[in-house]
C-alpha atoms as a PDB file:
ATOM      1  CA  MET A   1    -179.756  43.885  26.968  1.00  0.00           C
ATOM      2  CA  THR A   2    -176.094  43.445  27.909  1.00  0.00           C
ATOM      3  CA  ASN A   3    -173.583  42.663  25.274  1.00  0.00           C
ATOM      4  CA  LEU A   4    -173.752  38.729  25.022  1.00  0.00           C
ATOM      5  CA  THR A   5    -171.969  36.743  22.720  1.00  0.00           C
ATOM      6  CA  ASN A   6    -174.342  35.368  19.472  1.00  0.00           C
ATOM      7  CA  GLN A   7    -174.160  31.865  21.441  1.00  0.00           C
ATOM      8  CA  ARG A   8    -175.585  33.542  24.737  1.00  0.00           C
ATOM      9  CA  GLN A   9    -178.018  35.648  22.936  1.00  0.00           C
ATOM     10  CA  VAL A  10    -179.467  32.049  21.338  1.00  0.00           C
ATOM     11  CA  PHE A  11    -178.968  30.390  24.944  1.00  0.00           C
ATOM     12  CA  VAL A  12    -181.670  33.281  25.943  1.00  0.00           C
ATOM     13  CA  GLU A  13    -183.695  33.135  23.426  1.00  0.00           C
ATOM     14  CA  GLU A  14    -183.994  29.343  23.600  1.00  0.00           C
ATOM     15  CA  TYR A  15    -184.444  29.208  27.202  1.00  0.00           C
ATOM     16  CA  VAL A  16    -187.552  31.894  27.393  1.00  0.00           C
ATOM     17  CA  ARG A  17    -189.068  30.214  24.283  1.00  0.00           C
ATOM     18  CA  SER A  18    -188.319  26.146  26.004  1.00  0.00           C
ATOM     19  CA  GLY A  19    -188.031  26.811  29.424  1.00  0.00           C
ATOM     20  CA  ASP A  20    -185.112  23.741  29.495  1.00  0.00           C
ATOM     21  CA  HIS A  21    -181.623  25.492  30.230  1.00  0.00           C
ATOM     22  CA  LEU A  22    -180.335  21.948  29.059  1.00  0.00           C
ATOM     23  CA  ASP A  23    -181.946  22.065  25.533  1.00  0.00           C
ATOM     24  CA  ALA A  24    -181.238  25.739  25.313  1.00  0.00           C
ATOM     25  CA  ALA A  25    -177.535  25.128  25.562  1.00  0.00           C
ATOM     26  CA  LYS A  26    -177.316  22.487  23.346  1.00  0.00           C
ATOM     27  CA  LYS A  27    -179.504  24.656  20.376  1.00  0.00           C
ATOM     28  CA  ALA A  28    -177.174  27.513  20.983  1.00  0.00           C
ATOM     29  CA  GLY A  29    -174.100  25.504  20.167  1.00  0.00           C
ATOM     30  CA  TYR A  30    -172.536  24.238  23.515  1.00  0.00           C
ATOM     31  CA  LYS A  31    -171.002  20.688  23.411  1.00  0.00           C
ATOM     32  CA  ASP A  32    -172.973  18.012  24.833  1.00  0.00           C
ATOM     33  CA  THR A  33    -170.613  16.721  27.294  1.00  0.00           C
ATOM     34  CA  HIS A  34    -170.799  15.544  30.509  1.00  0.00           C
ATOM     35  CA  THR A  35    -170.224  19.055  31.706  1.00  0.00           C
ATOM     36  CA  LEU A  36    -173.144  20.725  30.018  1.00  0.00           C
ATOM     37  CA  ARG A  37    -175.491  20.367  32.590  1.00  0.00           C
ATOM     38  CA  ASN A  38    -173.229  22.364  35.225  1.00  0.00           C
ATOM     39  CA  GLN A  39    -172.678  24.748  32.228  1.00  0.00           C
ATOM     40  CA  ALA A  40    -176.206  24.942  31.213  1.00  0.00           C
ATOM     41  CA  CYS A  41    -176.866  25.946  35.110  1.00  0.00           C
ATOM     42  CA  LYS A  42    -174.069  28.699  35.040  1.00  0.00           C
ATOM     43  CA  LEU A  43    -175.181  29.895  31.688  1.00  0.00           C
ATOM     44  CA  ARG A  44    -178.951  30.633  33.651  1.00  0.00           C
ATOM     45  CA  ARG A  45    -177.385  32.141  36.357  1.00  0.00           C
ATOM     46  CA  GLU A  46    -175.065  34.556  34.737  1.00  0.00           C
ATOM     47  CA  CYS A  47    -177.878  35.568  32.004  1.00  0.00           C
ATOM     48  CA  ALA A  48    -180.683  36.210  34.508  1.00  0.00           C
ATOM     49  CA  ASP A  49    -180.902  39.426  33.533  1.00  0.00           C
ATOM     50  CA  ASP A  50    -181.187  39.224  30.017  1.00  0.00           C
ATOM     51  CA  ILE A  51    -183.563  36.279  30.696  1.00  0.00           C
ATOM     52  CA  SER A  52    -186.115  38.377  32.600  1.00  0.00           C
ATOM     53  CA  GLU A  53    -185.618  41.579  29.867  1.00  0.00           C
ATOM     54  CA  GLU A  54    -186.333  38.977  27.096  1.00  0.00           C
ATOM     55  CA  LEU A  55    -189.534  37.324  29.174  1.00  0.00           C
ATOM     56  CA  HIS A  56    -190.672  40.984  29.814  1.00  0.00           C
ATOM     57  CA  ARG A  57    -190.718  41.867  26.014  1.00  0.00           C
ATOM     58  CA  ASN A  58    -192.322  38.466  24.960  1.00  0.00           C
ATOM     59  CA  PHE A  59    -195.194  39.232  27.472  1.00  0.00           C
ATOM     60  CA  ALA A  60    -195.491  42.520  26.036  1.00  0.00           C
ATOM     61  CA  GLU A  61    -195.702  41.434  22.618  1.00  0.00           C
ATOM     62  CA  ILE A  62    -198.240  39.060  23.795  1.00  0.00           C
ATOM     63  CA  ALA A  63    -200.217  40.997  25.713  1.00  0.00           C
ATOM     64  CA  PRO A  64    -202.678  42.497  23.023  1.00  0.00           C
ATOM     65  CA  ARG A  65    -203.554  39.195  21.556  1.00  0.00           C
ATOM     66  CA  ALA A  66    -204.326  38.023  25.422  1.00  0.00           C
ATOM     67  CA  LEU A  67    -206.314  41.400  25.884  1.00  0.00           C
ATOM     68  CA  ASN A  68    -208.427  40.643  22.454  1.00  0.00           C
ATOM     69  CA  ILE A  69    -209.276  37.080  23.771  1.00  0.00           C
ATOM     70  CA  LEU A  70    -210.013  38.039  27.144  1.00  0.00           C
ATOM     71  CA  SER A  71    -212.395  40.745  25.798  1.00  0.00           C
ATOM     72  CA  ASP A  72    -214.297  38.125  23.192  1.00  0.00           C
ATOM     73  CA  LEU A  73    -214.710  35.833  26.052  1.00  0.00           C
ATOM     74  CA  ALA A  74    -216.064  38.143  28.215  1.00  0.00           C
ATOM     75  CA  GLU A  75    -218.767  39.330  25.574  1.00  0.00           C
ATOM     76  CA  ASN A  76    -219.449  35.773  23.225  1.00  0.00           C
ATOM     77  CA  ALA A  77    -218.754  33.204  25.855  1.00  0.00           C
ATOM     78  CA  GLU A  78    -221.641  30.672  25.890  1.00  0.00           C
ATOM     79  CA  SER A  79    -220.623  29.816  29.768  1.00  0.00           C
ATOM     80  CA  GLU A  80    -221.826  32.171  32.022  1.00  0.00           C
ATOM     81  CA  SER A  81    -219.227  31.291  34.266  1.00  0.00           C
ATOM     82  CA  VAL A  82    -216.558  32.083  31.553  1.00  0.00           C
ATOM     83  CA  ARG A  83    -218.130  35.418  30.760  1.00  0.00           C
ATOM     84  CA  LEU A  84    -217.691  36.357  34.625  1.00  0.00           C
ATOM     85  CA  GLY A  85    -214.228  35.188  34.823  1.00  0.00           C
ATOM     86  CA  ALA A  86    -212.922  36.537  31.900  1.00  0.00           C
ATOM     87  CA  THR A  87    -215.271  40.354  33.184  1.00  0.00           C
ATOM     88  CA  ARG A  88    -213.347  39.797  36.511  1.00  0.00           C
ATOM     89  CA  ASP A  89    -209.986  39.321  35.025  1.00  0.00           C
ATOM     90  CA  LEU A  90    -210.164  42.146  32.680  1.00  0.00           C
ATOM     91  CA  LEU A  91    -211.414  44.710  35.364  1.00  0.00           C
ATOM     92  CA  ASP A  92    -208.221  43.231  38.094  1.00  0.00           C
ATOM     93  CA  ARG A  93    -205.618  43.886  34.899  1.00  0.00           C
ATOM     94  CA  ALA A  94    -207.357  47.437  34.712  1.00  0.00           C
ATOM     95  CA  GLY A  95    -206.719  48.063  38.111  1.00  0.00           C
ATOM     96  CA  PHE A  96    -210.461  47.864  39.207  1.00  0.00           C
ATOM     97  CA  ARG A  97    -210.151  44.716  41.598  1.00  0.00           C
ATOM     98  CA  PRO A  98    -212.215  44.492  44.703  1.00  0.00           C
ATOM     99  CA  VAL A  99    -210.656  45.837  47.789  1.00  0.00           C
ATOM    100  CA  ASP A 100    -209.121  43.252  49.925  1.00  0.00           C
ATOM    101  CA  ARG A 101    -210.835  43.372  53.234  1.00  0.00           C
ATOM    102  CA  HIS A 102    -207.311  42.790  55.020  1.00  0.00           C
ATOM    103  CA  GLU A 103    -206.041  46.315  53.728  1.00  0.00           C
ATOM    104  CA  ILE A 104    -206.036  49.339  55.672  1.00  0.00           C
ATOM    105  CA  VAL A 105    -208.301  51.708  53.775  1.00  0.00           C
ATOM    106  CA  LYS A 106    -207.834  54.986  55.696  1.00  0.00           C
ATOM    107  CA  HIS A 107    -205.093  55.613  58.541  1.00  0.00           C
ATOM    108  CA  LYS A 108    -206.886  57.158  61.495  1.00  0.00           C
ATOM    109  CA  SER A 109    -204.966  59.242  64.193  1.00  0.00           C
ATOM    110  CA  ILE A 110    -204.908  58.515  67.403  1.00  0.00           C
ATOM    111  CA  GLU A 111    -207.766  60.707  68.538  1.00  0.00           C
ATOM    112  CA  GLU A 112    -209.796  59.368  65.770  1.00  0.00           C
ATOM    113  CA  LEU A 113    -209.003  55.637  67.093  1.00  0.00           C
ATOM    114  CA  ASN A 114    -209.846  56.592  70.322  1.00  0.00           C
ATOM    115  CA  ALA A 115    -213.203  58.251  69.508  1.00  0.00           C
ATOM    116  CA  GLN A 116    -214.182  55.034  67.530  1.00  0.00           C
ATOM    117  CA  LEU A 117    -213.080  52.934  70.870  1.00  0.00           C
ATOM    118  CA  VAL A 118    -215.394  55.393  72.660  1.00  0.00           C
ATOM    119  CA  SER A 119    -218.203  54.766  70.553  1.00  0.00           C
ATOM    120  CA  LEU A 120    -217.663  50.824  70.532  1.00  0.00           C
ATOM    121  CA  VAL A 121    -217.364  50.199  74.130  1.00  0.00           C
ATOM    122  CA  GLY A 122    -218.141  53.635  75.942  1.00  0.00           C
ATOM    123  CA  GLU A 123    -215.920  55.695  78.118  1.00  0.00           C
ATOM    124  CA  ASN A 124    -214.392  53.290  80.494  1.00  0.00           C
ATOM    125  CA  GLY A 125    -214.321  50.434  78.268  1.00  0.00           C
ATOM    126  CA  GLY A 126    -210.832  50.667  76.573  1.00  0.00           C
ATOM    127  CA  SER A 127    -209.433  50.590  80.492  1.00  0.00           C
ATOM    128  CA  VAL A 128    -211.598  47.660  81.211  1.00  0.00           C
ATOM    129  CA  ILE A 129    -210.514  45.835  77.995  1.00  0.00           C
ATOM    130  CA  CYS A 130    -206.725  47.165  78.332  1.00  0.00           C
ATOM    131  CA  SER A 131    -206.553  46.190  82.229  1.00  0.00           C
ATOM    132  CA  CYS A 132    -207.494  42.359  80.790  1.00  0.00           C
ATOM    133  CA  PHE A 133    -204.075  42.067  79.325  1.00  0.00           C
ATOM    134  CA  LYS A 134    -202.008  43.891  81.863  1.00  0.00           C
ATOM    135  CA  LYS A 135    -200.490  41.506  84.439  1.00  0.00           C
END
């Protein structure tokens, strides 16, 4: 974190805890005047990097517990759909998610693409198809 004043540090911690920038500003000790809303918005903008760091730190702290809960659900949930969902989530987070059908699995050279086109539409088929798009 950057060098924050104690007041700003409290603001960041309270904002991450509650998600309410106005309440965080009040709890950090900023005066509750008619300009507090503007000041709280400004604090949120100015402390954005610190807020992001604090969020990452908090997620890192709760990740092991969340993993334990997911593992327990995958093994012990009464509902088969809950077990399946928890298992999918675990595998997804471990990097074993299914390949998206829209992803390019292999980059092919022009020669490989031409050979594939010929195998699909024949030797002159590519010319016929391409001529349909020429005007």
